Amino acid sequence: MASTKQAVSIVGFLITLLGAILFSTKAILVKLAFGHTHTDAVTLLALRMVFSLPFYLAAAFLVSTQKGNVRMTSREWLLVSGIGLLGYYVSSLFDFLGLQYISAGLERLILFLYPSFAVFINAYFFEQHISKTQRIALLLTYVGIALAYFGELSIDSKNPNFYLGSGLVFMCAITYSIYIVGSGKIIPRVGANKFTAYAMLAATAGVFMHFLLTHDVRQVKLGQGMWMYGLLLAILATVLPSFLISQGMKKIGSNNVAIISGIGPVSTIVQAHYVLGEKIFTEQIVGTALVIVGVLLIGWKQEKTAAIVAPQPQNTAQDAKAGVG
């Protein structure tokens, strides 16, 4: 029995690790697409959703035809759609726009602030106490971001849009944290798979509407490179890692998945160095380490609390978190 458990643990670890690394390729692919095709953020985001759409439609169909499927109320439909639009339309738009102006490594670090924002939202709106451990975690996270940020600023001081890009990704982290908090409230009522499928469909509709309102389809030129980056963003950096993370949760649990997913910023920084030629500097290394420790402390505390109070909803909420990036 011991060897069987160990084998399952190793498989779960490798699946989760691969999923986290694939999620971290999103920023790299977006930067490559901007550099090689000179496209804009909305067009690239629309292409990503075009290739992702069949998977969301299939998931929605399968969930709706399963035995025991519970029909959502009108209010639940509105909540799922609104949360989906915020989390994967508004948030992704801020992220793609921000990546036009800052490095992939800095983008990933700023985006990793979303767990701390979720803590603040829960504390202010839902009166959840911030523990001493969480306060230490928040301090570590923000000190780490500050170190990496000012280190990056010192080598990118000539970039006139540095603060704009940082602010856009910061807004992405805020909107995504709202999505995380909202998903944690609605998922126990409608189910993780159903929520994810319909939330993503709502986000896809929002992206397509934005594209049609701001672009003349007849004037858009989509070369082979554009289609390739759209396909890679959809399959390699969105759909495939989401399935891998989901399977990892089933094998090793959401807490272990959260810990392993801390490899994300490190993976992005390494890929950005070797693929994009971005510099790695001391402040970035130290700052990244502090951010990862802080995020893990926040996640560990939330997991521990949820295990005592309501373990099932927390696991489903973690399913929604798998889509970050």
Protein backbone atom coordinates (compact mmCIF):
# COMPACT_ATOMS: atom_id res chain seq x y z
CA MET A 1 0.00 0.00 0.00
CA ALA A 2 2.85 2.39 0.80
CA SER A 3 4.35 2.11 -2.66
CA THR A 4 0.94 2.74 -4.28
CA LYS A 5 0.40 5.89 -2.25
CA GLN A 6 3.89 7.11 -3.10
CA ALA A 7 3.32 6.51 -6.82
CA VAL A 8 0.05 8.43 -6.76
CA SER A 9 1.76 11.27 -4.86
CA ILE A 10 4.56 11.48 -7.42
CA VAL A 11 2.08 11.51 -10.32
CA GLY A 12 0.01 14.21 -8.62
CA PHE A 13 3.11 16.29 -7.96
CA LEU A 14 4.32 16.05 -11.56
CA ILE A 15 0.88 16.83 -13.00
CA THR A 16 0.51 19.88 -10.77
CA LEU A 17 4.04 21.07 -11.46
CA LEU A 18 3.47 20.85 -15.21
CA GLY A 19 0.15 22.67 -14.91
CA ALA A 20 1.71 25.51 -12.88
CA ILE A 21 4.58 25.88 -15.36
CA LEU A 22 2.20 25.92 -18.33
CA PHE A 23 0.09 28.60 -16.66
CA SER A 24 3.25 30.67 -16.21
CA THR A 25 3.90 30.61 -19.98
CA LYS A 26 0.95 32.95 -20.58
CA ALA A 27 2.94 36.14 -20.01
CA ILE A 28 5.79 34.84 -22.18
CA LEU A 29 3.46 34.05 -25.08
CA VAL A 30 1.71 37.41 -24.81
CA LYS A 31 5.05 39.27 -24.89
CA LEU A 32 6.20 37.19 -27.88
CA ALA A 33 2.94 37.89 -29.71
CA PHE A 34 3.25 41.64 -29.12
CA GLY A 35 6.84 41.59 -30.33
CA HIS A 36 6.41 39.39 -33.39
CA THR A 37 2.97 40.36 -34.72
CA HIS A 38 2.44 43.94 -33.48
CA THR A 39 -1.11 43.06 -32.56
CA ASP A 40 -3.18 44.77 -29.87
CA ALA A 41 -4.32 43.33 -26.56
CA VAL A 42 -8.03 43.03 -27.43
CA THR A 43 -7.39 41.12 -30.67
CA LEU A 44 -4.97 38.74 -28.96
CA LEU A 45 -7.40 38.18 -26.10
CA ALA A 46 -10.22 37.50 -28.57
CA LEU A 47 -8.09 34.93 -30.40
CA ARG A 48 -7.33 33.22 -27.11
CA MET A 49 -11.05 32.93 -26.38
CA VAL A 50 -11.88 31.75 -29.92
CA PHE A 51 -9.74 28.65 -29.47
CA SER A 52 -10.86 28.12 -25.87
CA LEU A 53 -14.57 28.41 -26.65
CA PRO A 54 -15.14 24.81 -27.89
CA PHE A 55 -13.78 23.42 -24.61
CA TYR A 56 -16.04 25.66 -22.52
CA LEU A 57 -19.08 24.74 -24.61
CA ALA A 58 -18.30 21.04 -24.25
CA ALA A 59 -17.83 21.40 -20.49
CA ALA A 60 -21.11 23.31 -20.13
CA PHE A 61 -22.96 20.64 -22.13
CA LEU A 62 -21.49 17.75 -20.13
CA VAL A 63 -22.22 19.41 -16.80
CA SER A 64 -25.80 20.23 -17.77
CA THR A 65 -26.54 16.67 -18.87
CA GLN A 66 -25.14 14.98 -15.78
CA LYS A 67 -27.42 13.24 -13.32
CA GLY A 68 -28.27 15.40 -10.35
CA ASN A 69 -27.72 18.62 -12.27
CA VAL A 70 -29.36 21.45 -10.33
CA ARG A 71 -30.84 24.32 -12.32
CA MET A 72 -29.53 27.73 -11.39
CA THR A 73 -31.91 30.49 -10.34
CA SER A 74 -32.02 33.83 -12.18
CA ARG A 75 -29.95 35.40 -9.42
CA GLU A 76 -27.35 32.63 -9.66
CA TRP A 77 -27.15 33.08 -13.44
CA LEU A 78 -26.48 36.79 -12.95
CA LEU A 79 -23.87 36.14 -10.26
CA VAL A 80 -22.03 33.50 -12.28
CA SER A 81 -22.07 35.68 -15.41
CA GLY A 82 -20.98 38.82 -13.55
CA ILE A 83 -18.17 37.06 -11.70
CA GLY A 84 -17.01 35.41 -14.92
CA LEU A 85 -16.98 38.72 -16.79
CA LEU A 86 -14.95 40.32 -14.01
CA GLY A 87 -12.49 37.47 -13.58
CA TYR A 88 -11.71 36.46 -17.14
CA TYR A 89 -12.76 39.42 -19.27
CA VAL A 90 -11.98 42.57 -17.26
CA SER A 91 -9.07 40.99 -15.38
CA SER A 92 -7.51 39.44 -18.50
CA LEU A 93 -7.92 42.69 -20.40
CA PHE A 94 -6.04 44.63 -17.71
CA ASP A 95 -3.34 41.93 -17.74
CA PHE A 96 -2.86 41.88 -21.52
CA LEU A 97 -2.81 45.68 -21.68
CA GLY A 98 -0.26 45.87 -18.86
CA LEU A 99 2.04 43.34 -20.51
CA GLN A 100 2.52 45.80 -23.37
CA TYR A 101 4.53 48.02 -21.02
CA ILE A 102 6.27 45.92 -18.32
CA SER A 103 8.34 42.75 -18.16
CA ALA A 104 6.78 39.31 -17.86
CA GLY A 105 8.60 38.68 -14.58
CA LEU A 106 7.25 41.84 -12.93
CA GLU A 107 3.76 41.14 -14.25
CA ARG A 108 3.70 37.74 -12.56
CA LEU A 109 4.88 39.18 -9.25
CA ILE A 110 2.30 41.99 -9.22
CA LEU A 111 -0.42 39.55 -10.22
CA PHE A 112 0.59 37.32 -7.30
CA LEU A 113 -0.80 40.01 -4.97
CA TYR A 114 -4.34 38.74 -5.58
CA PRO A 115 -4.43 36.38 -2.53
CA SER A 116 -3.62 39.32 -0.23
CA PHE A 117 -6.38 41.41 -1.80
CA ALA A 118 -8.80 38.52 -1.27
CA VAL A 119 -7.87 38.54 2.43
CA PHE A 120 -8.66 42.27 2.65
CA ILE A 121 -11.99 41.85 0.85
CA ASN A 122 -13.06 39.02 3.14
CA ALA A 123 -12.00 41.00 6.19
CA TYR A 124 -13.81 44.20 5.19
CA PHE A 125 -17.00 42.86 3.60
CA PHE A 126 -17.42 39.51 5.36
CA GLU A 127 -15.78 40.33 8.71
CA GLN A 128 -13.24 37.53 8.51
CA HIS A 129 -10.48 38.06 11.05
CA ILE A 130 -6.94 38.60 9.75
CA SER A 131 -4.70 36.43 11.90
CA LYS A 132 -1.17 37.19 13.05
CA THR A 133 0.19 34.68 10.53
CA GLN A 134 -1.70 36.40 7.73
CA ARG A 135 -0.42 39.83 8.83
CA ILE A 136 3.16 38.54 8.63
CA ALA A 137 2.38 37.00 5.25
CA LEU A 138 0.96 40.28 3.95
CA LEU A 139 4.03 42.18 5.16
CA LEU A 140 6.38 39.71 3.45
CA THR A 141 4.37 39.89 0.24
CA TYR A 142 4.39 43.67 0.00
CA VAL A 143 8.05 44.01 1.01
CA GLY A 144 8.91 41.46 -1.70
CA ILE A 145 6.90 43.32 -4.33
CA ALA A 146 8.50 46.63 -3.33
CA LEU A 147 12.01 45.19 -3.61
CA ALA A 148 11.38 43.67 -7.02
CA TYR A 149 9.49 46.72 -8.24
CA PHE A 150 12.12 49.32 -7.39
CA GLY A 151 14.84 47.01 -8.63
CA GLU A 152 13.02 46.74 -11.96
CA LEU A 153 12.42 50.49 -12.03
CA SER A 154 16.14 51.15 -11.70
CA ILE A 155 16.89 49.17 -14.88
CA ASP A 156 13.77 50.23 -16.79
CA SER A 157 13.75 53.92 -15.85
CA LYS A 158 13.56 55.06 -19.48
CA ASN A 159 10.24 53.28 -20.06
CA PRO A 160 7.62 56.09 -20.18
CA ASN A 161 4.78 53.62 -19.65
CA PHE A 162 6.29 51.70 -16.74
CA TYR A 163 3.82 53.03 -14.16
CA LEU A 164 0.88 52.64 -16.55
CA GLY A 165 1.71 48.99 -17.17
CA SER A 166 2.24 48.35 -13.47
CA GLY A 167 -1.08 49.99 -12.64
CA LEU A 168 -2.95 47.93 -15.22
CA VAL A 169 -1.58 44.65 -13.88
CA PHE A 170 -2.29 45.88 -10.34
CA MET A 171 -5.93 46.38 -11.40
CA CYS A 172 -5.86 42.87 -12.83
CA ALA A 173 -4.81 41.52 -9.43
CA ILE A 174 -7.63 43.45 -7.72
CA THR A 175 -10.35 42.32 -10.14
CA TYR A 176 -9.11 38.74 -10.03
CA SER A 177 -9.19 38.77 -6.22
CA ILE A 178 -12.86 39.85 -6.40
CA TYR A 179 -13.45 36.93 -8.76
CA ILE A 180 -11.80 34.55 -6.28
CA VAL A 181 -13.89 35.80 -3.36
CA GLY A 182 -17.08 35.72 -5.41
CA SER A 183 -16.39 32.25 -6.78
CA GLY A 184 -15.78 30.99 -3.26
CA LYS A 185 -19.29 32.14 -2.31
CA ILE A 186 -21.19 30.85 -5.35
CA ILE A 187 -19.37 27.56 -6.10
CA PRO A 188 -20.77 25.68 -3.08
CA ARG A 189 -24.25 26.47 -4.39
CA VAL A 190 -23.86 25.61 -8.09
CA GLY A 191 -20.78 23.34 -8.21
CA ALA A 192 -17.23 23.99 -9.38
CA ASN A 193 -17.48 22.53 -12.88
CA LYS A 194 -20.76 24.26 -13.69
CA PHE A 195 -19.52 27.58 -12.35
CA THR A 196 -16.27 27.42 -14.31
CA ALA A 197 -17.96 26.45 -17.59
CA TYR A 198 -20.60 29.17 -17.54
CA ALA A 199 -18.37 31.85 -16.01
CA MET A 200 -15.87 31.31 -18.82
CA LEU A 201 -18.63 31.41 -21.44
CA ALA A 202 -19.81 34.76 -20.04
CA ALA A 203 -16.24 36.06 -20.15
CA THR A 204 -15.88 34.85 -23.74
CA ALA A 205 -19.05 36.72 -24.71
CA GLY A 206 -17.66 39.87 -23.08
CA VAL A 207 -14.37 39.61 -24.96
CA PHE A 208 -16.11 39.03 -28.29
CA MET A 209 -18.48 41.98 -27.71
CA HIS A 210 -15.54 44.26 -26.85
CA PHE A 211 -13.69 43.16 -29.97
CA LEU A 212 -16.69 43.75 -32.26
CA LEU A 213 -17.35 47.21 -30.78
CA THR A 214 -13.75 48.40 -31.07
CA HIS A 215 -12.53 46.70 -34.23
CA ASP A 216 -13.65 46.52 -37.83
CA VAL A 217 -13.49 42.79 -38.56
CA ARG A 218 -12.91 43.50 -42.24
CA GLN A 219 -9.78 45.51 -41.42
CA VAL A 220 -8.23 42.96 -39.06
CA LYS A 221 -5.36 41.06 -40.65
CA LEU A 222 -4.63 37.73 -39.02
CA GLY A 223 -1.44 36.14 -40.25
CA GLN A 224 -0.24 32.64 -39.44
CA GLY A 225 1.71 33.96 -36.47
CA MET A 226 -1.41 35.49 -34.93
CA TRP A 227 -3.36 32.25 -35.17
CA MET A 228 -0.42 30.34 -33.73
CA TYR A 229 -0.15 32.59 -30.67
CA GLY A 230 -3.91 32.52 -30.13
CA LEU A 231 -3.90 28.73 -30.26
CA LEU A 232 -0.92 28.43 -27.91
CA LEU A 233 -2.46 30.85 -25.41
CA ALA A 234 -5.74 28.93 -25.45
CA ILE A 235 -4.44 25.36 -25.34
CA LEU A 236 -0.98 25.55 -23.77
CA ALA A 237 -1.54 28.37 -21.27
CA THR A 238 -5.27 28.07 -20.46
CA VAL A 239 -7.18 24.85 -21.19
CA LEU A 240 -4.47 22.20 -20.70
CA PRO A 241 -3.05 23.57 -17.42
CA SER A 242 -6.55 24.02 -15.98
CA PHE A 243 -7.24 20.31 -16.53
CA LEU A 244 -3.83 19.35 -15.14
CA ILE A 245 -4.33 21.44 -11.98
CA SER A 246 -7.80 19.96 -11.52
CA GLN A 247 -6.41 16.43 -11.74
CA GLY A 248 -3.59 17.39 -9.39
CA MET A 249 -6.12 18.50 -6.79
CA LYS A 250 -7.85 15.14 -6.97
CA LYS A 251 -4.58 13.30 -6.38
CA ILE A 252 -2.72 15.40 -3.80
CA GLY A 253 -5.26 17.93 -2.47
CA SER A 254 -5.73 21.65 -2.96
CA ASN A 255 -3.29 22.65 -0.20
CA ASN A 256 -0.40 20.80 -1.86
CA VAL A 257 -1.46 22.25 -5.21
CA ALA A 258 -1.31 25.76 -3.75
CA ILE A 259 2.22 25.12 -2.49
CA ILE A 260 3.49 23.65 -5.76
CA SER A 261 1.86 26.50 -7.73
CA GLY A 262 4.28 28.86 -5.99
CA ILE A 263 6.71 27.84 -8.73
CA GLY A 264 4.72 30.10 -11.09
CA PRO A 265 6.62 33.40 -10.60
CA VAL A 266 9.98 31.59 -10.62
CA SER A 267 9.06 29.78 -13.83
CA THR A 268 7.96 33.04 -15.48
CA ILE A 269 11.18 34.84 -14.50
CA VAL A 270 13.38 31.99 -15.79
CA GLN A 271 11.42 31.71 -19.06
CA ALA A 272 11.47 35.49 -19.49
CA HIS A 273 15.26 35.49 -19.08
CA TYR A 274 15.97 32.75 -21.59
CA VAL A 275 13.14 33.36 -24.08
CA LEU A 276 12.67 37.14 -23.91
CA GLY A 277 16.13 38.16 -22.75
CA GLU A 278 14.86 39.87 -19.58
CA LYS A 279 17.50 40.50 -16.92
CA ILE A 280 17.53 38.67 -13.60
CA PHE A 281 18.72 40.87 -10.72
CA THR A 282 19.25 40.46 -6.98
CA GLU A 283 16.21 42.49 -5.87
CA GLN A 284 14.01 40.39 -8.12
CA ILE A 285 15.28 37.11 -6.65
CA VAL A 286 14.89 38.25 -3.04
CA GLY A 287 11.53 39.91 -3.74
CA THR A 288 10.19 36.82 -5.51
CA ALA A 289 11.19 34.59 -2.58
CA LEU A 290 9.41 36.89 -0.10
CA VAL A 291 6.26 37.05 -2.24
CA ILE A 292 6.09 33.27 -2.59
CA VAL A 293 6.56 32.73 1.16
CA GLY A 294 3.88 35.32 1.91
CA VAL A 295 1.38 33.83 -0.55
CA LEU A 296 1.99 30.32 0.79
CA LEU A 297 1.42 31.51 4.37
CA ILE A 298 -1.85 33.15 3.33
CA GLY A 299 -2.96 30.02 1.47
CA TRP A 300 -1.91 27.73 4.33
CA LYS A 301 -3.90 29.74 6.87
CA GLN A 302 -6.99 29.80 4.64
CA GLU A 303 -6.72 26.07 4.01
CA LYS A 304 -6.34 25.32 7.73
CA THR A 305 -9.38 27.44 8.62
CA ALA A 306 -11.49 25.96 5.85
CA ALA A 307 -10.60 22.42 6.88
CA ILE A 308 -12.05 23.10 10.33
CA VAL A 309 -15.13 25.05 9.25
CA ALA A 310 -16.19 23.80 5.82
CA PRO A 311 -13.71 21.66 3.86
CA GLN A 312 -15.88 20.99 0.81
CA PRO A 313 -16.52 24.59 -0.28
CA GLN A 314 -12.83 25.42 0.08
CA ASN A 315 -11.85 22.63 -2.31
CA THR A 316 -14.30 23.88 -4.90
CA ALA A 317 -13.03 27.40 -4.50
CA GLN A 318 -9.54 26.14 -5.20
CA ASP A 319 -10.82 24.79 -8.52
CA ALA A 320 -11.68 28.34 -9.51
CA LYS A 321 -8.22 29.54 -8.46
CA ALA A 322 -6.63 27.11 -10.87
CA GLY A 323 -7.41 29.43 -13.74
CA VAL A 324 -5.11 32.20 -12.66
CA GLY A 325 -2.73 33.34 -15.35
